[in-house]
Structure formats: structure tokens, C-alpha cells
Amino acid sequence: MLAEKMTLSQAFNNVIRDCKDPYAREYAKAAMQVASAFGTEGLRTQILYVLSNTAHWRGPLAKETKATFKEYLKKTK
């Protein structure tokens, strides 16, 4: 059985809930506001900030969450 794909919203919530880095959490909290104010390019930039600050976040949830962000970045190139 295939696992459901994680949405960006779920990925941001995972960072807010489980990542210990305070900067990653703040960038994740602000992501949707940035997306509505600055569109796709603003959201891409915010995702890059989140990924940069989750470099030391480990585990299966972290891996799946980061993969979701990276997949979005590839699709919106």
C-alpha cells in the first residue's frame, strides 16, 4: 500500500511541532503568510530558510518532511 503524500501544510506543521530549532519553527509559522503576500517565489524562499535550519533535525518524520519540501522546490523551478 502506498503512503499518502504529505502536503506542504502538513510539512510545515511537522517542523513547528517536532523540530527543536527555533528559527526553523518561526520560518515554518510564517510560511503561509509569506505565500499569500509574495506568491510562489516567496514560498520557495521560505522553504529554503526552513530547510537550512532543519539540517540537524533527524529521524523518519524529518526525512519525509524535508523530502516534501525538496519535491516542491523541484516542481516550482
PDB file of N, CA and C in Angstrom:
ATOM      1  N   MET A   1       0.836  -1.180   0.000  1.00  0.00           N
ATOM      2  CA  MET A   1       0.000   0.000   0.000  1.00  0.00           C
ATOM      3  C   MET A   1       0.887   1.251   0.000  1.00  0.00           C
ATOM      4  N   LEU A   2       0.564   2.196  -0.849  1.00  0.00           N
ATOM      5  CA  LEU A   2       1.331   3.435  -0.931  1.00  0.00           C
ATOM      6  C   LEU A   2       0.907   4.405   0.166  1.00  0.00           C
ATOM      7  N   ALA A   3       1.886   5.052   0.736  1.00  0.00           N
ATOM      8  CA  ALA A   3       1.599   6.066   1.753  1.00  0.00           C
ATOM      9  C   ALA A   3       1.102   7.329   1.056  1.00  0.00           C
ATOM     10  N   GLU A   4       0.224   8.049   1.723  1.00  0.00           N
ATOM     11  CA  GLU A   4      -0.264   9.309   1.161  1.00  0.00           C
ATOM     12  C   GLU A   4       0.864  10.319   1.137  1.00  0.00           C
ATOM     13  N   LYS A   5       0.835  11.175   0.120  1.00  0.00           N
ATOM     14  CA  LYS A   5       1.830  12.236   0.042  1.00  0.00           C
ATOM     15  C   LYS A   5       1.531  13.286   1.094  1.00  0.00           C
ATOM     16  N   MET A   6       2.575  13.804   1.676  1.00  0.00           N
ATOM     17  CA  MET A   6       2.441  14.857   2.675  1.00  0.00           C
ATOM     18  C   MET A   6       2.226  16.194   1.963  1.00  0.00           C
ATOM     19  N   THR A   7       1.301  16.994   2.463  1.00  0.00           N
ATOM     20  CA  THR A   7       1.084  18.326   1.901  1.00  0.00           C
ATOM     21  C   THR A   7       2.096  19.298   2.501  1.00  0.00           C
ATOM     22  N   LEU A   8       2.255  20.445   1.868  1.00  0.00           N
ATOM     23  CA  LEU A   8       3.149  21.469   2.418  1.00  0.00           C
ATOM     24  C   LEU A   8       2.671  21.915   3.792  1.00  0.00           C
ATOM     25  N   SER A   9       1.388  22.051   3.944  1.00  0.00           N
ATOM     26  CA  SER A   9       0.836  22.460   5.237  1.00  0.00           C
ATOM     27  C   SER A   9       1.201  21.459   6.330  1.00  0.00           C
ATOM     28  N   GLN A  10       1.067  20.173   6.027  1.00  0.00           N
ATOM     29  CA  GLN A  10       1.446  19.136   6.992  1.00  0.00           C
ATOM     30  C   GLN A  10       2.941  19.195   7.290  1.00  0.00           C
ATOM     31  N   ALA A  11       3.734  19.431   6.258  1.00  0.00           N
ATOM     32  CA  ALA A  11       5.184  19.508   6.442  1.00  0.00           C
ATOM     33  C   ALA A  11       5.553  20.678   7.357  1.00  0.00           C
ATOM     34  N   PHE A  12       4.940  21.845   7.117  1.00  0.00           N
ATOM     35  CA  PHE A  12       5.215  22.990   7.986  1.00  0.00           C
ATOM     36  C   PHE A  12       4.777  22.699   9.426  1.00  0.00           C
ATOM     37  N   ASN A  13       3.628  22.047   9.589  1.00  0.00           N
ATOM     38  CA  ASN A  13       3.160  21.691  10.936  1.00  0.00           C
ATOM     39  C   ASN A  13       4.112  20.715  11.619  1.00  0.00           C
ATOM     40  N   ASN A  14       4.702  19.793  10.861  1.00  0.00           N
ATOM     41  CA  ASN A  14       5.688  18.862  11.433  1.00  0.00           C
ATOM     42  C   ASN A  14       6.890  19.620  11.979  1.00  0.00           C
ATOM     43  N   VAL A  15       7.353  20.601  11.221  1.00  0.00           N
ATOM     44  CA  VAL A  15       8.503  21.400  11.665  1.00  0.00           C
ATOM     45  C   VAL A  15       8.139  22.154  12.942  1.00  0.00           C
ATOM     46  N   ILE A  16       6.975  22.791  12.936  1.00  0.00           N
ATOM     47  CA  ILE A  16       6.539  23.567  14.101  1.00  0.00           C
ATOM     48  C   ILE A  16       6.429  22.680  15.340  1.00  0.00           C
ATOM     49  N   ARG A  17       5.903  21.489  15.152  1.00  0.00           N
ATOM     50  CA  ARG A  17       5.632  20.593  16.281  1.00  0.00           C
ATOM     51  C   ARG A  17       6.868  19.827  16.750  1.00  0.00           C
ATOM     52  N   ASP A  18       7.723  19.372  15.812  1.00  0.00           N
ATOM     53  CA  ASP A  18       8.761  18.414  16.180  1.00  0.00           C
ATOM     54  C   ASP A  18      10.208  18.881  16.069  1.00  0.00           C
ATOM     55  N   CYS A  19      10.480  19.906  15.301  1.00  0.00           N
ATOM     56  CA  CYS A  19      11.863  20.367  15.146  1.00  0.00           C
ATOM     57  C   CYS A  19      12.248  21.249  16.340  1.00  0.00           C
ATOM     58  N   LYS A  20      13.429  21.060  16.842  1.00  0.00           N
ATOM     59  CA  LYS A  20      13.873  21.804  18.018  1.00  0.00           C
ATOM     60  C   LYS A  20      14.445  23.183  17.679  1.00  0.00           C
ATOM     61  N   ASP A  21      14.830  23.395  16.422  1.00  0.00           N
ATOM     62  CA  ASP A  21      15.433  24.664  16.037  1.00  0.00           C
ATOM     63  C   ASP A  21      14.387  25.784  16.028  1.00  0.00           C
ATOM     64  N   PRO A  22      14.587  26.829  16.845  1.00  0.00           N
ATOM     65  CA  PRO A  22      13.585  27.896  16.929  1.00  0.00           C
ATOM     66  C   PRO A  22      13.434  28.691  15.632  1.00  0.00           C
ATOM     67  N   TYR A  23      14.501  28.829  14.875  1.00  0.00           N
ATOM     68  CA  TYR A  23      14.416  29.567  13.610  1.00  0.00           C
ATOM     69  C   TYR A  23      13.591  28.788  12.590  1.00  0.00           C
ATOM     70  N   ALA A  24      13.814  27.486  12.515  1.00  0.00           N
ATOM     71  CA  ALA A  24      13.037  26.649  11.597  1.00  0.00           C
ATOM     72  C   ALA A  24      11.554  26.746  11.930  1.00  0.00           C
ATOM     73  N   ARG A  25      11.227  26.702  13.216  1.00  0.00           N
ATOM     74  CA  ARG A  25       9.818  26.797  13.627  1.00  0.00           C
ATOM     75  C   ARG A  25       9.210  28.141  13.249  1.00  0.00           C
ATOM     76  N   GLU A  26       9.951  29.222  13.444  1.00  0.00           N
ATOM     77  CA  GLU A  26       9.438  30.555  13.111  1.00  0.00           C
ATOM     78  C   GLU A  26       9.250  30.721  11.606  1.00  0.00           C
ATOM     79  N   TYR A  27      10.209  30.237  10.816  1.00  0.00           N
ATOM     80  CA  TYR A  27      10.062  30.305   9.365  1.00  0.00           C
ATOM     81  C   TYR A  27       8.865  29.475   8.902  1.00  0.00           C
ATOM     82  N   ALA A  28       8.663  28.313   9.507  1.00  0.00           N
ATOM     83  CA  ALA A  28       7.523  27.464   9.149  1.00  0.00           C
ATOM     84  C   ALA A  28       6.202  28.141   9.517  1.00  0.00           C
ATOM     85  N   LYS A  29       6.163  28.797  10.661  1.00  0.00           N
ATOM     86  CA  LYS A  29       4.941  29.508  11.075  1.00  0.00           C
ATOM     87  C   LYS A  29       4.595  30.629  10.106  1.00  0.00           C
ATOM     88  N   ALA A  30       5.597  31.302   9.601  1.00  0.00           N
ATOM     89  CA  ALA A  30       5.382  32.454   8.720  1.00  0.00           C
ATOM     90  C   ALA A  30       5.154  32.053   7.257  1.00  0.00           C
ATOM     91  N   ALA A  31       5.377  30.812   6.911  1.00  0.00           N
ATOM     92  CA  ALA A  31       5.378  30.389   5.509  1.00  0.00           C
ATOM     93  C   ALA A  31       4.083  30.688   4.773  1.00  0.00           C
ATOM     94  N   MET A  32       2.954  30.383   5.348  1.00  0.00           N
ATOM     95  CA  MET A  32       1.692  30.576   4.633  1.00  0.00           C
ATOM     96  C   MET A  32       1.365  32.059   4.452  1.00  0.00           C
ATOM     97  N   GLN A  33       1.731  32.883   5.421  1.00  0.00           N
ATOM     98  CA  GLN A  33       1.532  34.323   5.262  1.00  0.00           C
ATOM     99  C   GLN A  33       2.420  34.857   4.146  1.00  0.00           C
ATOM    100  N   VAL A  34       3.629  34.358   4.084  1.00  0.00           N
ATOM    101  CA  VAL A  34       4.558  34.761   3.031  1.00  0.00           C
ATOM    102  C   VAL A  34       4.014  34.329   1.672  1.00  0.00           C
ATOM    103  N   ALA A  35       3.461  33.128   1.614  1.00  0.00           N
ATOM    104  CA  ALA A  35       2.917  32.617   0.356  1.00  0.00           C
ATOM    105  C   ALA A  35       1.776  33.497  -0.146  1.00  0.00           C
ATOM    106  N   SER A  36       0.910  33.932   0.747  1.00  0.00           N
ATOM    107  CA  SER A  36      -0.214  34.765   0.308  1.00  0.00           C
ATOM    108  C   SER A  36       0.250  36.174  -0.059  1.00  0.00           C
ATOM    109  N   ALA A  37       1.295  36.661   0.574  1.00  0.00           N
ATOM    110  CA  ALA A  37       1.775  38.014   0.294  1.00  0.00           C
ATOM    111  C   ALA A  37       2.726  38.073  -0.905  1.00  0.00           C
ATOM    112  N   PHE A  38       3.559  37.048  -1.077  1.00  0.00           N
ATOM    113  CA  PHE A  38       4.603  37.101  -2.095  1.00  0.00           C
ATOM    114  C   PHE A  38       4.521  35.991  -3.137  1.00  0.00           C
ATOM    115  N   GLY A  39       3.514  35.136  -3.054  1.00  0.00           N
ATOM    116  CA  GLY A  39       3.305  34.096  -4.060  1.00  0.00           C
ATOM    117  C   GLY A  39       4.296  32.952  -3.987  1.00  0.00           C
ATOM    118  N   THR A  40       4.407  32.266  -5.100  1.00  0.00           N
ATOM    119  CA  THR A  40       5.239  31.064  -5.181  1.00  0.00           C
ATOM    120  C   THR A  40       6.700  31.344  -4.870  1.00  0.00           C
ATOM    121  N   GLU A  41       7.222  32.446  -5.392  1.00  0.00           N
ATOM    122  CA  GLU A  41       8.637  32.748  -5.162  1.00  0.00           C
ATOM    123  C   GLU A  41       8.909  33.011  -3.684  1.00  0.00           C
ATOM    124  N   GLY A  42       7.988  33.679  -3.008  1.00  0.00           N
ATOM    125  CA  GLY A  42       8.137  33.908  -1.574  1.00  0.00           C
ATOM    126  C   GLY A  42       8.088  32.615  -0.790  1.00  0.00           C
ATOM    127  N   LEU A  43       7.187  31.712  -1.197  1.00  0.00           N
ATOM    128  CA  LEU A  43       7.086  30.413  -0.527  1.00  0.00           C
ATOM    129  C   LEU A  43       8.343  29.588  -0.756  1.00  0.00           C
ATOM    130  N   ARG A  44       8.881  29.619  -1.972  1.00  0.00           N
ATOM    131  CA  ARG A  44      10.136  28.897  -2.263  1.00  0.00           C
ATOM    132  C   ARG A  44      11.265  29.397  -1.352  1.00  0.00           C
ATOM    133  N   THR A  45      11.366  30.702  -1.205  1.00  0.00           N
ATOM    134  CA  THR A  45      12.408  31.282  -0.356  1.00  0.00           C
ATOM    135  C   THR A  45      12.221  30.847   1.091  1.00  0.00           C
ATOM    136  N   GLN A  46      10.979  30.860   1.561  1.00  0.00           N
ATOM    137  CA  GLN A  46      10.693  30.462   2.940  1.00  0.00           C
ATOM    138  C   GLN A  46      11.059  28.998   3.163  1.00  0.00           C
ATOM    139  N   ILE A  47      10.765  28.149   2.199  1.00  0.00           N
ATOM    140  CA  ILE A  47      11.110  26.727   2.295  1.00  0.00           C
ATOM    141  C   ILE A  47      12.621  26.554   2.373  1.00  0.00           C
ATOM    142  N   LEU A  48      13.357  27.323   1.601  1.00  0.00           N
ATOM    143  CA  LEU A  48      14.822  27.252   1.661  1.00  0.00           C
ATOM    144  C   LEU A  48      15.322  27.628   3.059  1.00  0.00           C
ATOM    145  N   TYR A  49      14.710  28.648   3.673  1.00  0.00           N
ATOM    146  CA  TYR A  49      15.083  29.020   5.042  1.00  0.00           C
ATOM    147  C   TYR A  49      14.782  27.883   6.015  1.00  0.00           C
ATOM    148  N   VAL A  50      13.608  27.273   5.873  1.00  0.00           N
ATOM    149  CA  VAL A  50      13.235  26.157   6.759  1.00  0.00           C
ATOM    150  C   VAL A  50      14.231  25.013   6.589  1.00  0.00           C
ATOM    151  N   LEU A  51      14.511  24.636   5.345  1.00  0.00           N
ATOM    152  CA  LEU A  51      15.448  23.530   5.106  1.00  0.00           C
ATOM    153  C   LEU A  51      16.831  23.822   5.674  1.00  0.00           C
ATOM    154  N   SER A  52      17.276  25.044   5.531  1.00  0.00           N
ATOM    155  CA  SER A  52      18.582  25.432   6.050  1.00  0.00           C
ATOM    156  C   SER A  52      18.658  25.252   7.564  1.00  0.00           C
ATOM    157  N   ASN A  53      17.561  25.548   8.225  1.00  0.00           N
ATOM    158  CA  ASN A  53      17.548  25.486   9.689  1.00  0.00           C
ATOM    159  C   ASN A  53      17.110  24.136  10.247  1.00  0.00           C
ATOM    160  N   THR A  54      16.808  23.185   9.373  1.00  0.00           N
ATOM    161  CA  THR A  54      16.468  21.837   9.841  1.00  0.00           C
ATOM    162  C   THR A  54      17.591  20.843   9.549  1.00  0.00           C
ATOM    163  N   ALA A  55      18.772  21.340   9.281  1.00  0.00           N
ATOM    164  CA  ALA A  55      19.902  20.483   8.916  1.00  0.00           C
ATOM    165  C   ALA A  55      20.236  19.441   9.987  1.00  0.00           C
ATOM    166  N   HIS A  56      19.983  19.755  11.245  1.00  0.00           N
ATOM    167  CA  HIS A  56      20.325  18.820  12.329  1.00  0.00           C
ATOM    168  C   HIS A  56      19.114  18.048  12.842  1.00  0.00           C
ATOM    169  N   TRP A  57      17.969  18.234  12.216  1.00  0.00           N
ATOM    170  CA  TRP A  57      16.752  17.514  12.590  1.00  0.00           C
ATOM    171  C   TRP A  57      16.804  16.141  11.937  1.00  0.00           C
ATOM    172  N   ARG A  58      16.688  15.086  12.718  1.00  0.00           N
ATOM    173  CA  ARG A  58      16.847  13.716  12.232  1.00  0.00           C
ATOM    174  C   ARG A  58      15.606  12.871  12.506  1.00  0.00           C
ATOM    175  N   GLY A  59      15.561  11.729  11.845  1.00  0.00           N
ATOM    176  CA  GLY A  59      14.503  10.758  12.063  1.00  0.00           C
ATOM    177  C   GLY A  59      13.606  10.611  10.843  1.00  0.00           C
ATOM    178  N   PRO A  60      12.719   9.615  10.864  1.00  0.00           N
ATOM    179  CA  PRO A  60      11.857   9.339   9.716  1.00  0.00           C
ATOM    180  C   PRO A  60      10.922  10.511   9.369  1.00  0.00           C
ATOM    181  N   LEU A  61      10.353  11.152  10.378  1.00  0.00           N
ATOM    182  CA  LEU A  61       9.462  12.279  10.122  1.00  0.00           C
ATOM    183  C   LEU A  61      10.236  13.439   9.499  1.00  0.00           C
ATOM    184  N   ALA A  62      11.419  13.696  10.000  1.00  0.00           N
ATOM    185  CA  ALA A  62      12.252  14.759   9.451  1.00  0.00           C
ATOM    186  C   ALA A  62      12.608  14.464   7.994  1.00  0.00           C
ATOM    187  N   LYS A  63      12.964  13.232   7.719  1.00  0.00           N
ATOM    188  CA  LYS A  63      13.345  12.841   6.358  1.00  0.00           C
ATOM    189  C   LYS A  63      12.173  13.020   5.390  1.00  0.00           C
ATOM    190  N   GLU A  64      11.005  12.569   5.792  1.00  0.00           N
ATOM    191  CA  GLU A  64       9.817  12.680   4.939  1.00  0.00           C
ATOM    192  C   GLU A  64       9.414  14.146   4.741  1.00  0.00           C
ATOM    193  N   THR A  65       9.515  14.933   5.802  1.00  0.00           N
ATOM    194  CA  THR A  65       9.161  16.349   5.737  1.00  0.00           C
ATOM    195  C   THR A  65      10.101  17.103   4.797  1.00  0.00           C
ATOM    196  N   LYS A  66      11.385  16.875   4.957  1.00  0.00           N
ATOM    197  CA  LYS A  66      12.371  17.544   4.091  1.00  0.00           C
ATOM    198  C   LYS A  66      12.197  17.119   2.638  1.00  0.00           C
ATOM    199  N   ALA A  67      11.868  15.857   2.401  1.00  0.00           N
ATOM    200  CA  ALA A  67      11.639  15.367   1.042  1.00  0.00           C
ATOM    201  C   ALA A  67      10.442  16.079   0.408  1.00  0.00           C
ATOM    202  N   THR A  68       9.420  16.336   1.195  1.00  0.00           N
ATOM    203  CA  THR A  68       8.250  17.063   0.703  1.00  0.00           C
ATOM    204  C   THR A  68       8.640  18.460   0.261  1.00  0.00           C
ATOM    205  N   PHE A  69       9.442  19.138   1.070  1.00  0.00           N
ATOM    206  CA  PHE A  69       9.895  20.486   0.708  1.00  0.00           C
ATOM    207  C   PHE A  69      10.745  20.448  -0.565  1.00  0.00           C
ATOM    208  N   LYS A  70      11.668  19.500  -0.638  1.00  0.00           N
ATOM    209  CA  LYS A  70      12.561  19.407  -1.800  1.00  0.00           C
ATOM    210  C   LYS A  70      11.784  19.081  -3.074  1.00  0.00           C
ATOM    211  N   GLU A  71      10.777  18.244  -2.962  1.00  0.00           N
ATOM    212  CA  GLU A  71       9.939  17.912  -4.115  1.00  0.00           C
ATOM    213  C   GLU A  71       9.195  19.152  -4.611  1.00  0.00           C
ATOM    214  N   TYR A  72       8.694  19.959  -3.687  1.00  0.00           N
ATOM    215  CA  TYR A  72       8.017  21.202  -4.068  1.00  0.00           C
ATOM    216  C   TYR A  72       8.983  22.140  -4.790  1.00  0.00           C
ATOM    217  N   LEU A  73      10.184  22.252  -4.272  1.00  0.00           N
ATOM    218  CA  LEU A  73      11.180  23.136  -4.894  1.00  0.00           C
ATOM    219  C   LEU A  73      11.497  22.689  -6.325  1.00  0.00           C
ATOM    220  N   LYS A  74      11.583  21.370  -6.537  1.00  0.00           N
ATOM    221  CA  LYS A  74      11.851  20.853  -7.890  1.00  0.00           C
ATOM    222  C   LYS A  74      10.705  21.166  -8.836  1.00  0.00           C
ATOM    223  N   LYS A  75       9.473  21.020  -8.355  1.00  0.00           N
ATOM    224  CA  LYS A  75       8.296  21.242  -9.185  1.00  0.00           C
ATOM    225  C   LYS A  75       8.109  22.700  -9.567  1.00  0.00           C
ATOM    226  N   THR A  76       8.580  23.613  -8.751  1.00  0.00           N
ATOM    227  CA  THR A  76       8.342  25.035  -8.986  1.00  0.00           C
ATOM    228  C   THR A  76       9.563  25.756  -9.517  1.00  0.00           C
ATOM    229  N   LYS A  77      10.520  25.033  -9.979  1.00  0.00           N
ATOM    230  CA  LYS A  77      11.753  25.599 -10.526  1.00  0.00           C
ATOM    231  C   LYS A  77      11.474  26.556 -11.662  1.00  0.00           C
TER     232      LYS A  77
END
